[in-house]
Amino acid sequence: MRLDKFLKVSRFIKRRTLAKQVADQGRITINGKVAKASSVVKPGDELSIRFGQKIVNATVNELKASTKKEDAAGMYTITSEERLEKVEPEFVDDEEAN
């Protein structure tokens, strides 16, 4: 499954277009490698996503073409979250400011 679709279906990121933008900015890695929106995600993959001043690490549990809101969180497991002290300007999340 494409990375942008996984992030949307799992509700990790609300919209697929936003997931694509985040990936195209180089803020997502899969198993330590910078990923594009079209990168393929498989169960067991380790994702690292940078949201503004926070980096979230998660493991992919399962893939589904669509899912209910209650079941979406089961598609991944958050393994860690870390806060960054200083944010580089190109990584500031515009949506958090609103």
N, C-alpha and C. Protein backbone atom coordinates (compact mmCIF):
# COMPACT_ATOMS: atom_id res chain seq x y z
N MET A 1 0.85 -1.17 0.00
CA MET A 1 0.00 0.00 0.00
C MET A 1 0.90 1.23 0.00
N ARG A 2 0.46 2.27 -0.72
CA ARG A 2 1.21 3.52 -0.77
C ARG A 2 1.24 4.18 0.62
N LEU A 3 2.34 4.85 0.91
CA LEU A 3 2.50 5.51 2.20
C LEU A 3 1.40 6.53 2.45
N ASP A 4 1.10 7.39 1.48
CA ASP A 4 0.09 8.43 1.70
C ASP A 4 -1.29 7.83 1.97
N LYS A 5 -1.61 6.73 1.28
CA LYS A 5 -2.91 6.08 1.51
C LYS A 5 -2.94 5.43 2.90
N PHE A 6 -1.85 4.78 3.30
CA PHE A 6 -1.81 4.17 4.63
C PHE A 6 -2.02 5.22 5.72
N LEU A 7 -1.33 6.35 5.61
CA LEU A 7 -1.45 7.40 6.62
C LEU A 7 -2.87 7.94 6.71
N LYS A 8 -3.55 8.02 5.57
CA LYS A 8 -4.93 8.51 5.56
C LYS A 8 -5.90 7.46 6.10
N VAL A 9 -5.81 6.22 5.61
CA VAL A 9 -6.73 5.15 6.03
C VAL A 9 -6.57 4.87 7.52
N SER A 10 -5.35 4.89 8.01
CA SER A 10 -5.10 4.62 9.43
C SER A 10 -5.41 5.84 10.31
N ARG A 11 -5.73 6.95 9.66
CA ARG A 11 -6.04 8.22 10.34
C ARG A 11 -4.85 8.77 11.14
N PHE A 12 -3.65 8.37 10.73
CA PHE A 12 -2.44 8.93 11.33
C PHE A 12 -2.34 10.40 10.92
N ILE A 13 -2.66 10.68 9.63
CA ILE A 13 -2.78 12.03 9.10
C ILE A 13 -4.16 12.10 8.45
N LYS A 14 -4.90 13.16 8.71
CA LYS A 14 -6.31 13.21 8.34
C LYS A 14 -6.59 13.18 6.84
N ARG A 15 -5.78 13.87 6.05
CA ARG A 15 -6.06 13.94 4.61
C ARG A 15 -4.90 13.39 3.81
N ARG A 16 -5.22 12.72 2.71
CA ARG A 16 -4.19 12.12 1.87
C ARG A 16 -3.30 13.19 1.23
N THR A 17 -3.88 14.32 0.86
CA THR A 17 -3.07 15.38 0.26
C THR A 17 -2.05 15.92 1.27
N LEU A 18 -2.45 16.03 2.53
CA LEU A 18 -1.52 16.48 3.57
C LEU A 18 -0.44 15.43 3.80
N ALA A 19 -0.82 14.15 3.78
CA ALA A 19 0.16 13.06 3.92
C ALA A 19 1.18 13.12 2.79
N LYS A 20 0.71 13.41 1.58
CA LYS A 20 1.60 13.52 0.43
C LYS A 20 2.57 14.69 0.61
N GLN A 21 2.07 15.82 1.07
CA GLN A 21 2.93 16.99 1.29
C GLN A 21 4.01 16.71 2.33
N VAL A 22 3.62 16.09 3.44
CA VAL A 22 4.57 15.77 4.51
C VAL A 22 5.66 14.84 3.98
N ALA A 23 5.26 13.83 3.21
CA ALA A 23 6.23 12.88 2.65
C ALA A 23 7.15 13.57 1.64
N ASP A 24 6.58 14.42 0.80
CA ASP A 24 7.39 15.10 -0.23
C ASP A 24 8.37 16.10 0.37
N GLN A 25 8.13 16.55 1.59
CA GLN A 25 9.05 17.45 2.28
C GLN A 25 10.18 16.69 2.97
N GLY A 26 10.18 15.36 2.87
CA GLY A 26 11.25 14.56 3.47
C GLY A 26 11.10 14.38 4.97
N ARG A 27 9.87 14.52 5.50
CA ARG A 27 9.66 14.43 6.95
C ARG A 27 9.25 13.03 7.40
N ILE A 28 9.23 12.06 6.48
CA ILE A 28 8.86 10.69 6.84
C ILE A 28 9.95 9.74 6.39
N THR A 29 10.31 8.81 7.28
CA THR A 29 11.24 7.74 6.90
C THR A 29 10.57 6.39 7.14
N ILE A 30 10.91 5.43 6.29
CA ILE A 30 10.48 4.05 6.46
C ILE A 30 11.73 3.23 6.65
N ASN A 31 11.85 2.58 7.80
CA ASN A 31 13.02 1.77 8.13
C ASN A 31 14.32 2.56 7.96
N GLY A 32 14.30 3.85 8.34
CA GLY A 32 15.49 4.67 8.29
C GLY A 32 15.79 5.34 6.97
N LYS A 33 14.99 5.10 5.93
CA LYS A 33 15.21 5.71 4.62
C LYS A 33 14.12 6.73 4.34
N VAL A 34 14.51 7.89 3.81
CA VAL A 34 13.53 8.93 3.49
C VAL A 34 12.54 8.37 2.49
N ALA A 35 11.24 8.60 2.76
CA ALA A 35 10.18 8.02 1.94
C ALA A 35 9.44 9.09 1.16
N LYS A 36 8.94 8.70 -0.01
CA LYS A 36 8.07 9.55 -0.80
C LYS A 36 6.64 9.07 -0.58
N ALA A 37 5.67 9.85 -1.03
CA ALA A 37 4.26 9.49 -0.88
C ALA A 37 3.95 8.16 -1.56
N SER A 38 4.66 7.85 -2.62
CA SER A 38 4.40 6.62 -3.38
C SER A 38 5.15 5.40 -2.83
N SER A 39 5.95 5.59 -1.78
CA SER A 39 6.69 4.46 -1.20
C SER A 39 5.72 3.40 -0.70
N VAL A 40 6.13 2.14 -0.82
CA VAL A 40 5.28 1.02 -0.39
C VAL A 40 5.51 0.72 1.08
N VAL A 41 4.40 0.56 1.82
CA VAL A 41 4.44 0.25 3.24
C VAL A 41 3.97 -1.19 3.44
N LYS A 42 4.67 -1.94 4.32
CA LYS A 42 4.31 -3.33 4.62
C LYS A 42 4.21 -3.50 6.13
N PRO A 43 3.46 -4.50 6.58
CA PRO A 43 3.43 -4.78 8.02
C PRO A 43 4.84 -5.04 8.54
N GLY A 44 5.14 -4.47 9.69
CA GLY A 44 6.47 -4.62 10.28
C GLY A 44 7.39 -3.44 10.01
N ASP A 45 7.03 -2.58 9.04
CA ASP A 45 7.86 -1.41 8.74
C ASP A 45 7.85 -0.43 9.90
N GLU A 46 8.99 0.23 10.10
CA GLU A 46 9.12 1.26 11.13
C GLU A 46 9.01 2.63 10.46
N LEU A 47 8.02 3.42 10.87
CA LEU A 47 7.84 4.76 10.34
C LEU A 47 8.32 5.79 11.35
N SER A 48 8.93 6.85 10.85
CA SER A 48 9.31 7.98 11.68
C SER A 48 8.77 9.22 10.99
N ILE A 49 7.88 9.96 11.67
CA ILE A 49 7.22 11.11 11.07
C ILE A 49 7.48 12.34 11.92
N ARG A 50 7.90 13.41 11.25
CA ARG A 50 8.19 14.66 11.95
C ARG A 50 7.00 15.60 11.82
N PHE A 51 6.38 15.94 12.95
CA PHE A 51 5.27 16.90 13.03
C PHE A 51 5.75 18.12 13.79
N GLY A 52 6.11 19.18 13.12
CA GLY A 52 6.55 20.39 13.81
C GLY A 52 7.70 20.12 14.75
N GLN A 53 7.45 20.23 16.07
CA GLN A 53 8.50 20.02 17.07
C GLN A 53 8.49 18.61 17.64
N LYS A 54 7.83 17.68 16.98
CA LYS A 54 7.70 16.33 17.52
C LYS A 54 8.04 15.30 16.45
N ILE A 55 8.74 14.25 16.86
CA ILE A 55 8.99 13.11 15.98
C ILE A 55 8.27 11.91 16.58
N VAL A 56 7.41 11.28 15.77
CA VAL A 56 6.64 10.12 16.20
C VAL A 56 7.18 8.90 15.46
N ASN A 57 7.52 7.86 16.21
CA ASN A 57 7.96 6.59 15.63
C ASN A 57 6.86 5.57 15.83
N ALA A 58 6.54 4.84 14.76
CA ALA A 58 5.46 3.86 14.82
C ALA A 58 5.82 2.64 13.99
N THR A 59 5.19 1.51 14.34
CA THR A 59 5.35 0.27 13.61
C THR A 59 4.03 -0.05 12.91
N VAL A 60 4.11 -0.44 11.64
CA VAL A 60 2.91 -0.81 10.88
C VAL A 60 2.49 -2.21 11.31
N ASN A 61 1.23 -2.36 11.76
CA ASN A 61 0.72 -3.66 12.18
C ASN A 61 0.01 -4.39 11.06
N GLU A 62 -0.87 -3.68 10.36
CA GLU A 62 -1.64 -4.31 9.29
C GLU A 62 -2.06 -3.27 8.27
N LEU A 63 -2.43 -3.75 7.09
CA LEU A 63 -2.89 -2.89 6.01
C LEU A 63 -4.33 -3.22 5.69
N LYS A 64 -5.15 -2.18 5.52
CA LYS A 64 -6.55 -2.35 5.13
C LYS A 64 -6.87 -1.29 4.09
N ALA A 65 -7.68 -1.66 3.09
CA ALA A 65 -8.07 -0.69 2.06
C ALA A 65 -8.94 0.41 2.63
N SER A 66 -9.77 0.06 3.60
CA SER A 66 -10.58 1.04 4.31
C SER A 66 -10.88 0.48 5.69
N THR A 67 -11.23 1.35 6.62
CA THR A 67 -11.48 0.90 7.98
C THR A 67 -12.40 1.87 8.70
N LYS A 68 -13.02 1.40 9.74
CA LYS A 68 -13.84 2.26 10.58
C LYS A 68 -12.93 3.05 11.51
N LYS A 69 -13.43 4.17 11.99
CA LYS A 69 -12.65 5.04 12.85
C LYS A 69 -12.13 4.29 14.08
N GLU A 70 -12.97 3.43 14.67
CA GLU A 70 -12.59 2.70 15.89
C GLU A 70 -11.44 1.71 15.63
N ASP A 71 -11.36 1.17 14.41
CA ASP A 71 -10.36 0.15 14.09
C ASP A 71 -9.07 0.73 13.52
N ALA A 72 -9.09 2.01 13.15
CA ALA A 72 -7.95 2.62 12.46
C ALA A 72 -6.68 2.59 13.30
N ALA A 73 -6.78 2.85 14.59
CA ALA A 73 -5.59 2.91 15.44
C ALA A 73 -4.89 1.55 15.55
N GLY A 74 -5.58 0.46 15.26
CA GLY A 74 -4.98 -0.86 15.30
C GLY A 74 -4.06 -1.15 14.13
N MET A 75 -4.05 -0.26 13.14
CA MET A 75 -3.20 -0.47 11.97
C MET A 75 -1.74 -0.14 12.25
N TYR A 76 -1.48 0.56 13.36
CA TYR A 76 -0.11 0.92 13.72
C TYR A 76 0.03 0.95 15.25
N THR A 77 1.27 0.87 15.71
CA THR A 77 1.58 1.01 17.13
C THR A 77 2.63 2.10 17.27
N ILE A 78 2.34 3.10 18.08
CA ILE A 78 3.33 4.16 18.32
C ILE A 78 4.36 3.61 19.30
N THR A 79 5.62 3.60 18.85
CA THR A 79 6.69 3.05 19.67
C THR A 79 7.37 4.12 20.52
N SER A 80 7.44 5.36 20.01
CA SER A 80 8.02 6.45 20.80
C SER A 80 7.64 7.80 20.20
N GLU A 81 7.72 8.81 21.06
CA GLU A 81 7.53 10.21 20.65
C GLU A 81 8.62 11.02 21.30
N GLU A 82 9.20 11.92 20.55
CA GLU A 82 10.23 12.77 21.13
C GLU A 82 10.02 14.21 20.69
N ARG A 83 10.24 15.12 21.63
CA ARG A 83 10.12 16.55 21.36
C ARG A 83 11.47 17.10 20.95
N LEU A 84 11.45 18.01 19.98
CA LEU A 84 12.66 18.69 19.56
C LEU A 84 12.68 20.07 20.18
N GLU A 85 13.84 20.50 20.61
CA GLU A 85 13.96 21.82 21.25
C GLU A 85 13.85 22.94 20.23
N LYS A 86 14.59 22.82 19.14
CA LYS A 86 14.64 23.88 18.14
C LYS A 86 14.10 23.34 16.83
N VAL A 87 13.24 24.10 16.18
CA VAL A 87 12.64 23.67 14.92
C VAL A 87 13.22 24.50 13.79
N GLU A 88 13.63 23.79 12.72
CA GLU A 88 14.10 24.49 11.54
C GLU A 88 12.89 25.06 10.81
N PRO A 89 12.97 26.28 10.26
CA PRO A 89 11.81 26.94 9.67
C PRO A 89 11.07 26.13 8.62
N GLU A 90 11.75 25.34 7.82
CA GLU A 90 11.07 24.59 6.77
C GLU A 90 10.23 23.44 7.31
N PHE A 91 10.37 23.12 8.60
CA PHE A 91 9.60 22.03 9.17
C PHE A 91 8.47 22.51 10.08
N VAL A 92 8.21 23.79 10.10
CA VAL A 92 7.11 24.30 10.91
C VAL A 92 5.80 23.88 10.25
N ASP A 93 4.91 23.28 11.02
CA ASP A 93 3.65 22.80 10.51
C ASP A 93 2.64 23.94 10.50
N ASP A 94 2.23 24.36 9.30
CA ASP A 94 1.31 25.49 9.16
C ASP A 94 -0.03 25.22 9.80
N GLU A 95 -0.49 23.98 9.79
CA GLU A 95 -1.82 23.66 10.33
C GLU A 95 -1.86 23.78 11.84
N GLU A 96 -0.75 23.58 12.53
CA GLU A 96 -0.74 23.69 13.99
C GLU A 96 -0.89 25.13 14.43
N ALA A 97 -0.52 26.09 13.58
CA ALA A 97 -0.58 27.50 13.93
C ALA A 97 -2.03 28.02 13.90
N ASN A 98 -2.90 27.33 13.19
CA ASN A 98 -4.30 27.80 13.05
C ASN A 98 -5.14 27.44 14.22
